[in-house]
Amino acid sequence: MGYFGSYACGDWGVGSDLDVVLIVTETDLAFETSSAQWDLTEIAVDVMVYTEAQWKGILQQAGFGKRMANKVEWVAGFH
């Protein structure tokens, strides 16, 4: 589990939400629906859930993958 975005950059403010990435071993859910399993609407959190394989693939991509590799502050687990 890690976080990224304004909290990781230290420039959060009023109205900011917490952007969280969760890496799971596996799931039967599609990426588009896996985040819906986490109801965090009461605390303004956006969650992105990836399998380990999906995450490794993202890190190999230019653009988004490179930014994520450098921007996630890991709290626990996957590094």
PDB file of N, CA and C in Angstrom:
ATOM      1  N   MET A   1       0.841  -1.172   0.000  1.00  0.00           N
ATOM      2  CA  MET A   1       0.000   0.000   0.000  1.00  0.00           C
ATOM      3  C   MET A   1       0.887   1.235   0.000  1.00  0.00           C
ATOM      4  N   GLY A   2       0.510   2.189  -0.823  1.00  0.00           N
ATOM      5  CA  GLY A   2       1.232   3.440  -0.868  1.00  0.00           C
ATOM      6  C   GLY A   2       0.305   4.581  -1.230  1.00  0.00           C
ATOM      7  N   TYR A   3       0.829   5.789  -1.136  1.00  0.00           N
ATOM      8  CA  TYR A   3       0.038   6.959  -1.514  1.00  0.00           C
ATOM      9  C   TYR A   3       0.860   7.827  -2.456  1.00  0.00           C
ATOM     10  N   PHE A   4       0.163   8.622  -3.237  1.00  0.00           N
ATOM     11  CA  PHE A   4       0.803   9.478  -4.225  1.00  0.00           C
ATOM     12  C   PHE A   4      -0.027  10.733  -4.388  1.00  0.00           C
ATOM     13  N   GLY A   5       0.341  11.572  -5.280  1.00  0.00           N
ATOM     14  CA  GLY A   5      -0.422  12.801  -5.516  1.00  0.00           C
ATOM     15  C   GLY A   5       0.002  13.907  -4.565  1.00  0.00           C
ATOM     16  N   SER A   6      -0.930  14.784  -4.245  1.00  0.00           N
ATOM     17  CA  SER A   6      -0.593  15.979  -3.477  1.00  0.00           C
ATOM     18  C   SER A   6      -0.049  15.656  -2.085  1.00  0.00           C
ATOM     19  N   TYR A   7      -0.552  14.609  -1.442  1.00  0.00           N
ATOM     20  CA  TYR A   7      -0.025  14.258  -0.117  1.00  0.00           C
ATOM     21  C   TYR A   7       1.430  13.795  -0.212  1.00  0.00           C
ATOM     22  N   ALA A   8       1.751  13.022  -1.205  1.00  0.00           N
ATOM     23  CA  ALA A   8       3.125  12.542  -1.371  1.00  0.00           C
ATOM     24  C   ALA A   8       4.066  13.686  -1.745  1.00  0.00           C
ATOM     25  N   CYS A   9       3.547  14.666  -2.485  1.00  0.00           N
ATOM     26  CA  CYS A   9       4.370  15.807  -2.895  1.00  0.00           C
ATOM     27  C   CYS A   9       4.460  16.888  -1.816  1.00  0.00           C
ATOM     28  N   GLY A  10       3.562  16.803  -0.836  1.00  0.00           N
ATOM     29  CA  GLY A  10       3.571  17.794   0.238  1.00  0.00           C
ATOM     30  C   GLY A  10       2.876  19.090  -0.103  1.00  0.00           C
ATOM     31  N   ASP A  11       2.076  19.098  -1.167  1.00  0.00           N
ATOM     32  CA  ASP A  11       1.383  20.333  -1.537  1.00  0.00           C
ATOM     33  C   ASP A  11      -0.138  20.195  -1.470  1.00  0.00           C
ATOM     34  N   TRP A  12      -0.618  19.370  -0.550  1.00  0.00           N
ATOM     35  CA  TRP A  12      -2.061  19.190  -0.380  1.00  0.00           C
ATOM     36  C   TRP A  12      -2.644  20.428   0.299  1.00  0.00           C
ATOM     37  N   GLY A  13      -3.942  20.568   0.150  1.00  0.00           N
ATOM     38  CA  GLY A  13      -4.634  21.692   0.768  1.00  0.00           C
ATOM     39  C   GLY A  13      -6.109  21.380   0.923  1.00  0.00           C
ATOM     40  N   VAL A  14      -6.873  22.396   1.254  1.00  0.00           N
ATOM     41  CA  VAL A  14      -8.309  22.236   1.415  1.00  0.00           C
ATOM     42  C   VAL A  14      -8.888  21.657   0.135  1.00  0.00           C
ATOM     43  N   GLY A  15      -9.657  20.609   0.256  1.00  0.00           N
ATOM     44  CA  GLY A  15     -10.269  19.972  -0.898  1.00  0.00           C
ATOM     45  C   GLY A  15      -9.451  18.842  -1.499  1.00  0.00           C
ATOM     46  N   SER A  16      -8.220  18.662  -1.025  1.00  0.00           N
ATOM     47  CA  SER A  16      -7.399  17.559  -1.539  1.00  0.00           C
ATOM     48  C   SER A  16      -7.948  16.230  -1.053  1.00  0.00           C
ATOM     49  N   ASP A  17      -7.786  15.218  -1.879  1.00  0.00           N
ATOM     50  CA  ASP A  17      -8.125  13.872  -1.445  1.00  0.00           C
ATOM     51  C   ASP A  17      -6.822  13.082  -1.344  1.00  0.00           C
ATOM     52  N   LEU A  18      -6.908  11.920  -0.746  1.00  0.00           N
ATOM     53  CA  LEU A  18      -5.747  11.048  -0.609  1.00  0.00           C
ATOM     54  C   LEU A  18      -5.799  10.030  -1.735  1.00  0.00           C
ATOM     55  N   ASP A  19      -4.737   9.953  -2.525  1.00  0.00           N
ATOM     56  CA  ASP A  19      -4.643   9.005  -3.627  1.00  0.00           C
ATOM     57  C   ASP A  19      -3.836   7.803  -3.153  1.00  0.00           C
ATOM     58  N   VAL A  20      -4.469   6.633  -3.172  1.00  0.00           N
ATOM     59  CA  VAL A  20      -3.865   5.416  -2.630  1.00  0.00           C
ATOM     60  C   VAL A  20      -3.745   4.366  -3.721  1.00  0.00           C
ATOM     61  N   VAL A  21      -2.631   3.645  -3.719  1.00  0.00           N
ATOM     62  CA  VAL A  21      -2.456   2.511  -4.612  1.00  0.00           C
ATOM     63  C   VAL A  21      -2.313   1.259  -3.750  1.00  0.00           C
ATOM     64  N   LEU A  22      -3.099   0.246  -4.072  1.00  0.00           N
ATOM     65  CA  LEU A  22      -3.037  -1.044  -3.391  1.00  0.00           C
ATOM     66  C   LEU A  22      -2.586  -2.094  -4.386  1.00  0.00           C
ATOM     67  N   ILE A  23      -1.594  -2.870  -4.011  1.00  0.00           N
ATOM     68  CA  ILE A  23      -1.107  -3.952  -4.855  1.00  0.00           C
ATOM     69  C   ILE A  23      -1.557  -5.251  -4.215  1.00  0.00           C
ATOM     70  N   VAL A  24      -2.335  -6.039  -4.948  1.00  0.00           N
ATOM     71  CA  VAL A  24      -2.831  -7.317  -4.444  1.00  0.00           C
ATOM     72  C   VAL A  24      -2.187  -8.452  -5.235  1.00  0.00           C
ATOM     73  N   THR A  25      -2.107  -9.604  -4.618  1.00  0.00           N
ATOM     74  CA  THR A  25      -1.509 -10.751  -5.293  1.00  0.00           C
ATOM     75  C   THR A  25      -2.287 -11.107  -6.542  1.00  0.00           C
ATOM     76  N   GLU A  26      -3.597 -11.203  -6.391  1.00  0.00           N
ATOM     77  CA  GLU A  26      -4.456 -11.499  -7.539  1.00  0.00           C
ATOM     78  C   GLU A  26      -5.880 -11.119  -7.214  1.00  0.00           C
ATOM     79  N   THR A  27      -6.684 -10.972  -8.238  1.00  0.00           N
ATOM     80  CA  THR A  27      -8.102 -10.679  -8.081  1.00  0.00           C
ATOM     81  C   THR A  27      -8.838 -11.156  -9.324  1.00  0.00           C
ATOM     82  N   ASP A  28     -10.081 -11.514  -9.146  1.00  0.00           N
ATOM     83  CA  ASP A  28     -10.921 -11.906 -10.276  1.00  0.00           C
ATOM     84  C   ASP A  28     -11.627 -10.693 -10.883  1.00  0.00           C
ATOM     85  N   LEU A  29     -11.489  -9.545 -10.227  1.00  0.00           N
ATOM     86  CA  LEU A  29     -12.168  -8.342 -10.679  1.00  0.00           C
ATOM     87  C   LEU A  29     -11.321  -7.598 -11.696  1.00  0.00           C
ATOM     88  N   ALA A  30     -11.981  -6.956 -12.637  1.00  0.00           N
ATOM     89  CA  ALA A  30     -11.286  -6.107 -13.600  1.00  0.00           C
ATOM     90  C   ALA A  30     -10.791  -4.854 -12.892  1.00  0.00           C
ATOM     91  N   PHE A  31      -9.716  -4.261 -13.412  1.00  0.00           N
ATOM     92  CA  PHE A  31      -9.168  -3.044 -12.809  1.00  0.00           C
ATOM     93  C   PHE A  31     -10.253  -1.985 -12.631  1.00  0.00           C
ATOM     94  N   GLU A  32     -11.122  -1.845 -13.618  1.00  0.00           N
ATOM     95  CA  GLU A  32     -12.147  -0.808 -13.593  1.00  0.00           C
ATOM     96  C   GLU A  32     -13.132  -0.971 -12.443  1.00  0.00           C
ATOM     97  N   THR A  33     -13.300  -2.183 -11.927  1.00  0.00           N
ATOM     98  CA  THR A  33     -14.262  -2.406 -10.849  1.00  0.00           C
ATOM     99  C   THR A  33     -13.618  -2.768  -9.516  1.00  0.00           C
ATOM    100  N   SER A  34     -12.344  -3.084  -9.510  1.00  0.00           N
ATOM    101  CA  SER A  34     -11.708  -3.534  -8.260  1.00  0.00           C
ATOM    102  C   SER A  34     -11.679  -2.450  -7.192  1.00  0.00           C
ATOM    103  N   SER A  35     -11.531  -1.205  -7.579  1.00  0.00           N
ATOM    104  CA  SER A  35     -11.501  -0.115  -6.602  1.00  0.00           C
ATOM    105  C   SER A  35     -12.858   0.094  -5.942  1.00  0.00           C
ATOM    106  N   ALA A  36     -13.929  -0.271  -6.625  1.00  0.00           N
ATOM    107  CA  ALA A  36     -15.273  -0.096  -6.073  1.00  0.00           C
ATOM    108  C   ALA A  36     -15.509  -0.974  -4.850  1.00  0.00           C
ATOM    109  N   GLN A  37     -14.676  -1.974  -4.642  1.00  0.00           N
ATOM    110  CA  GLN A  37     -14.814  -2.851  -3.478  1.00  0.00           C
ATOM    111  C   GLN A  37     -14.396  -2.149  -2.182  1.00  0.00           C
ATOM    112  N   TRP A  38     -13.752  -0.999  -2.301  1.00  0.00           N
ATOM    113  CA  TRP A  38     -13.276  -0.233  -1.158  1.00  0.00           C
ATOM    114  C   TRP A  38     -14.116   1.032  -1.041  1.00  0.00           C
ATOM    115  N   ASP A  39     -15.059   1.057  -0.129  1.00  0.00           N
ATOM    116  CA  ASP A  39     -15.913   2.231   0.033  1.00  0.00           C
ATOM    117  C   ASP A  39     -15.236   3.213   0.986  1.00  0.00           C
ATOM    118  N   LEU A  40     -14.531   4.151   0.392  1.00  0.00           N
ATOM    119  CA  LEU A  40     -13.811   5.145   1.182  1.00  0.00           C
ATOM    120  C   LEU A  40     -14.320   6.556   0.903  1.00  0.00           C
ATOM    121  N   THR A  41     -15.551   6.653   0.434  1.00  0.00           N
ATOM    122  CA  THR A  41     -16.107   7.945   0.065  1.00  0.00           C
ATOM    123  C   THR A  41     -16.263   8.878   1.264  1.00  0.00           C
ATOM    124  N   GLU A  42     -16.419   8.332   2.437  1.00  0.00           N
ATOM    125  CA  GLU A  42     -16.586   9.166   3.629  1.00  0.00           C
ATOM    126  C   GLU A  42     -15.313   9.894   4.020  1.00  0.00           C
ATOM    127  N   ILE A  43     -14.167   9.436   3.544  1.00  0.00           N
ATOM    128  CA  ILE A  43     -12.911  10.061   3.963  1.00  0.00           C
ATOM    129  C   ILE A  43     -12.098  10.601   2.784  1.00  0.00           C
ATOM    130  N   ALA A  44     -12.728  10.845   1.662  1.00  0.00           N
ATOM    131  CA  ALA A  44     -12.091  11.457   0.491  1.00  0.00           C
ATOM    132  C   ALA A  44     -10.796  10.764   0.081  1.00  0.00           C
ATOM    133  N   VAL A  45     -10.917   9.480  -0.245  1.00  0.00           N
ATOM    134  CA  VAL A  45      -9.772   8.690  -0.695  1.00  0.00           C
ATOM    135  C   VAL A  45     -10.087   8.101  -2.062  1.00  0.00           C
ATOM    136  N   ASP A  46      -9.155   8.264  -2.990  1.00  0.00           N
ATOM    137  CA  ASP A  46      -9.247   7.591  -4.283  1.00  0.00           C
ATOM    138  C   ASP A  46      -8.308   6.400  -4.240  1.00  0.00           C
ATOM    139  N   VAL A  47      -8.834   5.221  -4.573  1.00  0.00           N
ATOM    140  CA  VAL A  47      -8.046   3.995  -4.492  1.00  0.00           C
ATOM    141  C   VAL A  47      -7.872   3.401  -5.878  1.00  0.00           C
ATOM    142  N   MET A  48      -6.641   3.019  -6.189  1.00  0.00           N
ATOM    143  CA  MET A  48      -6.337   2.294  -7.418  1.00  0.00           C
ATOM    144  C   MET A  48      -5.815   0.934  -6.984  1.00  0.00           C
ATOM    145  N   VAL A  49      -6.462  -0.127  -7.445  1.00  0.00           N
ATOM    146  CA  VAL A  49      -6.072  -1.482  -7.057  1.00  0.00           C
ATOM    147  C   VAL A  49      -5.481  -2.192  -8.271  1.00  0.00           C
ATOM    148  N   TYR A  50      -4.270  -2.694  -8.110  1.00  0.00           N
ATOM    149  CA  TYR A  50      -3.572  -3.420  -9.172  1.00  0.00           C
ATOM    150  C   TYR A  50      -3.121  -4.775  -8.645  1.00  0.00           C
ATOM    151  N   THR A  51      -3.080  -5.757  -9.524  1.00  0.00           N
ATOM    152  CA  THR A  51      -2.395  -6.997  -9.170  1.00  0.00           C
ATOM    153  C   THR A  51      -0.895  -6.738  -9.300  1.00  0.00           C
ATOM    154  N   GLU A  52      -0.094  -7.617  -8.738  1.00  0.00           N
ATOM    155  CA  GLU A  52       1.356  -7.468  -8.862  1.00  0.00           C
ATOM    156  C   GLU A  52       1.779  -7.427 -10.327  1.00  0.00           C
ATOM    157  N   ALA A  53       1.182  -8.297 -11.142  1.00  0.00           N
ATOM    158  CA  ALA A  53       1.527  -8.343 -12.565  1.00  0.00           C
ATOM    159  C   ALA A  53       1.138  -7.038 -13.265  1.00  0.00           C
ATOM    160  N   GLN A  54      -0.040  -6.508 -12.970  1.00  0.00           N
ATOM    161  CA  GLN A  54      -0.464  -5.249 -13.579  1.00  0.00           C
ATOM    162  C   GLN A  54       0.480  -4.117 -13.181  1.00  0.00           C
ATOM    163  N   TRP A  55       0.845  -4.070 -11.910  1.00  0.00           N
ATOM    164  CA  TRP A  55       1.718  -3.013 -11.420  1.00  0.00           C
ATOM    165  C   TRP A  55       3.092  -3.072 -12.098  1.00  0.00           C
ATOM    166  N   LYS A  56       3.642  -4.255 -12.210  1.00  0.00           N
ATOM    167  CA  LYS A  56       4.938  -4.397 -12.875  1.00  0.00           C
ATOM    168  C   LYS A  56       4.849  -3.944 -14.326  1.00  0.00           C
ATOM    169  N   GLY A  57       3.728  -4.232 -14.979  1.00  0.00           N
ATOM    170  CA  GLY A  57       3.524  -3.781 -16.346  1.00  0.00           C
ATOM    171  C   GLY A  57       3.427  -2.268 -16.440  1.00  0.00           C
ATOM    172  N   ILE A  58       2.756  -1.658 -15.501  1.00  0.00           N
ATOM    173  CA  ILE A  58       2.620  -0.201 -15.492  1.00  0.00           C
ATOM    174  C   ILE A  58       3.978   0.461 -15.320  1.00  0.00           C
ATOM    175  N   LEU A  59       4.796  -0.082 -14.454  1.00  0.00           N
ATOM    176  CA  LEU A  59       6.103   0.513 -14.203  1.00  0.00           C
ATOM    177  C   LEU A  59       7.013   0.460 -15.427  1.00  0.00           C
ATOM    178  N   GLN A  60       6.698  -0.396 -16.368  1.00  0.00           N
ATOM    179  CA  GLN A  60       7.491  -0.509 -17.592  1.00  0.00           C
ATOM    180  C   GLN A  60       7.050   0.496 -18.659  1.00  0.00           C
ATOM    181  N   GLN A  61       5.914   1.135 -18.442  1.00  0.00           N
ATOM    182  CA  GLN A  61       5.378   2.087 -19.412  1.00  0.00           C
ATOM    183  C   GLN A  61       6.034   3.455 -19.251  1.00  0.00           C
ATOM    184  N   ALA A  62       6.178   4.140 -20.356  1.00  0.00           N
ATOM    185  CA  ALA A  62       6.634   5.531 -20.305  1.00  0.00           C
ATOM    186  C   ALA A  62       5.484   6.383 -19.768  1.00  0.00           C
ATOM    187  N   GLY A  63       5.764   7.538 -19.345  1.00  0.00           N
ATOM    188  CA  GLY A  63       4.726   8.455 -18.883  1.00  0.00           C
ATOM    189  C   GLY A  63       4.214   8.087 -17.508  1.00  0.00           C
ATOM    190  N   PHE A  64       2.970   7.613 -17.462  1.00  0.00           N
ATOM    191  CA  PHE A  64       2.319   7.312 -16.186  1.00  0.00           C
ATOM    192  C   PHE A  64       3.137   6.349 -15.338  1.00  0.00           C
ATOM    193  N   GLY A  65       3.647   5.306 -15.919  1.00  0.00           N
ATOM    194  CA  GLY A  65       4.416   4.318 -15.174  1.00  0.00           C
ATOM    195  C   GLY A  65       5.663   4.903 -14.544  1.00  0.00           C
ATOM    196  N   LYS A  66       6.363   5.709 -15.275  1.00  0.00           N
ATOM    197  CA  LYS A  66       7.577   6.354 -14.750  1.00  0.00           C
ATOM    198  C   LYS A  66       7.238   7.312 -13.614  1.00  0.00           C
ATOM    199  N   ARG A  67       6.150   8.075 -13.791  1.00  0.00           N
ATOM    200  CA  ARG A  67       5.741   9.001 -12.723  1.00  0.00           C
ATOM    201  C   ARG A  67       5.352   8.237 -11.465  1.00  0.00           C
ATOM    202  N   MET A  68       4.599   7.154 -11.642  1.00  0.00           N
ATOM    203  CA  MET A  68       4.169   6.377 -10.482  1.00  0.00           C
ATOM    204  C   MET A  68       5.358   5.735  -9.768  1.00  0.00           C
ATOM    205  N   ALA A  69       6.310   5.263 -10.509  1.00  0.00           N
ATOM    206  CA  ALA A  69       7.481   4.621  -9.915  1.00  0.00           C
ATOM    207  C   ALA A  69       8.218   5.580  -9.000  1.00  0.00           C
ATOM    208  N   ASN A  70       8.199   6.851  -9.341  1.00  0.00           N
ATOM    209  CA  ASN A  70       8.933   7.842  -8.563  1.00  0.00           C
ATOM    210  C   ASN A  70       8.082   8.601  -7.557  1.00  0.00           C
ATOM    211  N   LYS A  71       6.774   8.498  -7.644  1.00  0.00           N
ATOM    212  CA  LYS A  71       5.905   9.331  -6.826  1.00  0.00           C
ATOM    213  C   LYS A  71       5.217   8.605  -5.677  1.00  0.00           C
ATOM    214  N   VAL A  72       5.154   7.291  -5.711  1.00  0.00           N
ATOM    215  CA  VAL A  72       4.445   6.568  -4.653  1.00  0.00           C
ATOM    216  C   VAL A  72       5.304   6.522  -3.398  1.00  0.00           C
ATOM    217  N   GLU A  73       4.699   6.904  -2.291  1.00  0.00           N
ATOM    218  CA  GLU A  73       5.323   6.750  -0.966  1.00  0.00           C
ATOM    219  C   GLU A  73       4.753   5.482  -0.364  1.00  0.00           C
ATOM    220  N   TRP A  74       5.579   4.460  -0.256  1.00  0.00           N
ATOM    221  CA  TRP A  74       5.106   3.160   0.211  1.00  0.00           C
ATOM    222  C   TRP A  74       4.967   3.147   1.723  1.00  0.00           C
ATOM    223  N   VAL A  75       3.819   2.682   2.181  1.00  0.00           N
ATOM    224  CA  VAL A  75       3.532   2.576   3.605  1.00  0.00           C
ATOM    225  C   VAL A  75       3.843   1.175   4.083  1.00  0.00           C
ATOM    226  N   ALA A  76       3.484   0.193   3.290  1.00  0.00           N
ATOM    227  CA  ALA A  76       3.699  -1.201   3.668  1.00  0.00           C
ATOM    228  C   ALA A  76       3.747  -2.062   2.420  1.00  0.00           C
ATOM    229  N   GLY A  77       4.451  -3.173   2.514  1.00  0.00           N
ATOM    230  CA  GLY A  77       4.410  -4.180   1.466  1.00  0.00           C
ATOM    231  C   GLY A  77       5.283  -3.926   0.265  1.00  0.00           C
ATOM    232  N   PHE A  78       4.667  -3.942  -0.899  1.00  0.00           N
ATOM    233  CA  PHE A  78       5.288  -3.937  -2.233  1.00  0.00           C
ATOM    234  C   PHE A  78       6.207  -2.739  -2.433  1.00  0.00           C
ATOM    235  N   HIS A  79       7.444  -2.982  -2.813  1.00  0.00           N
ATOM    236  CA  HIS A  79       8.392  -1.881  -3.110  1.00  0.00           C
ATOM    237  C   HIS A  79       9.092  -2.170  -4.408  1.00  0.00           C
TER     238      HIS A  79
END
